[in-house]
Amino acid sequence: MTTVPIRPSPPAGLGEDDDARLIARSRERPEAFAELYDRHAADLHRYVTRRLGADLADDVVGETFLIAFRRRPRPSWTTPGRSSAPTCRRAC
């Protein structure tokens, strides 16, 4: 089992709008998407672990970010005020 490193919460003032900017930036520089992972993976991992168990959490989190990375060219992802992970934010 792979463990997701626990990262500190993003600094105050970083929010949905900043996630949208990171996604937009990652179109030209794909490595910028890693910051979204750093910001949200630990919270998502904890949530999935509670819902589905530790055995599935790594796979679900990995697949979630892979899908998000592949879908980042979609324009709606860069609309300010729209979160990259709205469901997780409400559920976590």
Protein backbone atom coordinates (compact mmCIF):
# COMPACT_ATOMS: atom_id res chain seq x y z
CA MET A 1 0.00 0.00 0.00
CA THR A 2 1.30 3.42 -0.96
CA THR A 3 0.71 6.22 1.47
CA VAL A 4 -0.18 9.70 0.32
CA PRO A 5 2.10 12.25 1.96
CA ILE A 6 0.26 14.63 4.23
CA ARG A 7 0.93 18.14 3.05
CA PRO A 8 0.16 21.30 4.95
CA SER A 9 -3.01 23.12 4.01
CA PRO A 10 -2.56 25.73 1.30
CA PRO A 11 -1.71 29.20 2.55
CA ALA A 12 -4.58 31.51 3.39
CA GLY A 13 -5.99 33.14 0.31
CA LEU A 14 -5.53 30.14 -1.96
CA GLY A 15 -8.81 28.76 -3.06
CA GLU A 16 -10.96 27.76 -5.96
CA ASP A 17 -9.80 30.61 -8.17
CA ASP A 18 -6.19 29.61 -7.62
CA ASP A 19 -6.98 25.99 -8.52
CA ALA A 20 -8.47 27.19 -11.79
CA ARG A 21 -5.33 29.21 -12.53
CA LEU A 22 -3.13 26.19 -11.82
CA ILE A 23 -5.19 24.07 -14.19
CA ALA A 24 -4.95 26.72 -16.88
CA ARG A 25 -1.18 27.01 -16.34
CA SER A 26 -0.81 23.23 -16.50
CA ARG A 27 -1.95 23.26 -20.13
CA GLU A 28 1.38 24.80 -21.07
CA ARG A 29 3.38 23.35 -18.16
CA PRO A 30 1.89 19.97 -17.16
CA GLU A 31 4.11 19.80 -14.07
CA ALA A 32 2.06 22.66 -12.56
CA PHE A 33 -0.75 20.14 -12.02
CA ALA A 34 1.36 18.53 -9.29
CA GLU A 35 0.52 21.42 -6.99
CA LEU A 36 -3.17 20.52 -7.19
CA TYR A 37 -2.24 17.00 -6.13
CA ASP A 38 -0.20 18.39 -3.26
CA ARG A 39 -3.10 20.58 -2.13
CA HIS A 40 -5.91 18.05 -2.34
CA ALA A 41 -4.65 14.44 -2.38
CA ALA A 42 -4.35 13.98 1.38
CA ASP A 43 -7.89 15.24 2.03
CA LEU A 44 -9.30 13.13 -0.78
CA HIS A 45 -7.35 10.10 0.46
CA ARG A 46 -8.76 10.47 3.98
CA TYR A 47 -12.29 10.81 2.61
CA VAL A 48 -12.00 7.78 0.32
CA THR A 49 -10.44 5.72 3.11
CA ARG A 50 -13.43 6.47 5.34
CA ARG A 51 -15.90 5.63 2.58
CA LEU A 52 -14.28 2.66 0.84
CA GLY A 53 -11.44 1.49 3.07
CA ALA A 54 -7.69 1.76 2.91
CA ASP A 55 -7.33 -1.03 0.35
CA LEU A 56 -9.05 1.02 -2.37
CA ALA A 57 -8.04 4.53 -1.38
CA ASP A 58 -4.69 4.68 -3.22
CA ASP A 59 -6.22 3.42 -6.46
CA VAL A 60 -9.24 5.73 -6.27
CA VAL A 61 -7.14 8.81 -5.51
CA GLY A 62 -4.65 7.99 -8.26
CA GLU A 63 -7.40 7.40 -10.80
CA THR A 64 -9.20 10.59 -9.74
CA PHE A 65 -6.15 12.73 -10.37
CA LEU A 66 -5.35 10.93 -13.61
CA ILE A 67 -8.86 11.66 -14.91
CA ALA A 68 -8.62 15.27 -13.75
CA PHE A 69 -5.25 15.66 -15.49
CA ARG A 70 -6.59 14.26 -18.73
CA ARG A 71 -9.66 16.53 -18.59
CA ARG A 72 -7.81 19.74 -17.78
CA PRO A 73 -8.02 21.15 -21.31
CA ARG A 74 -11.78 21.62 -20.85
CA PRO A 75 -12.63 25.32 -20.58
CA SER A 76 -15.01 24.94 -17.62
CA TRP A 77 -12.07 23.89 -15.43
CA THR A 78 -10.56 27.32 -15.66
CA THR A 79 -13.64 29.33 -14.84
CA PRO A 80 -12.82 31.44 -11.76
CA GLY A 81 -14.89 30.46 -8.76
CA ARG A 82 -15.20 26.87 -9.91
CA SER A 83 -13.31 24.36 -7.81
CA SER A 84 -11.21 21.57 -9.21
CA ALA A 85 -12.63 19.22 -6.59
CA PRO A 86 -16.04 20.55 -5.49
CA THR A 87 -17.38 17.25 -4.21
CA CYS A 88 -14.36 16.52 -2.05
CA ARG A 89 -14.38 19.98 -0.54
CA ARG A 90 -17.96 19.54 0.59
CA ALA A 91 -17.53 15.98 1.75
CA CYS A 92 -14.15 16.18 3.51
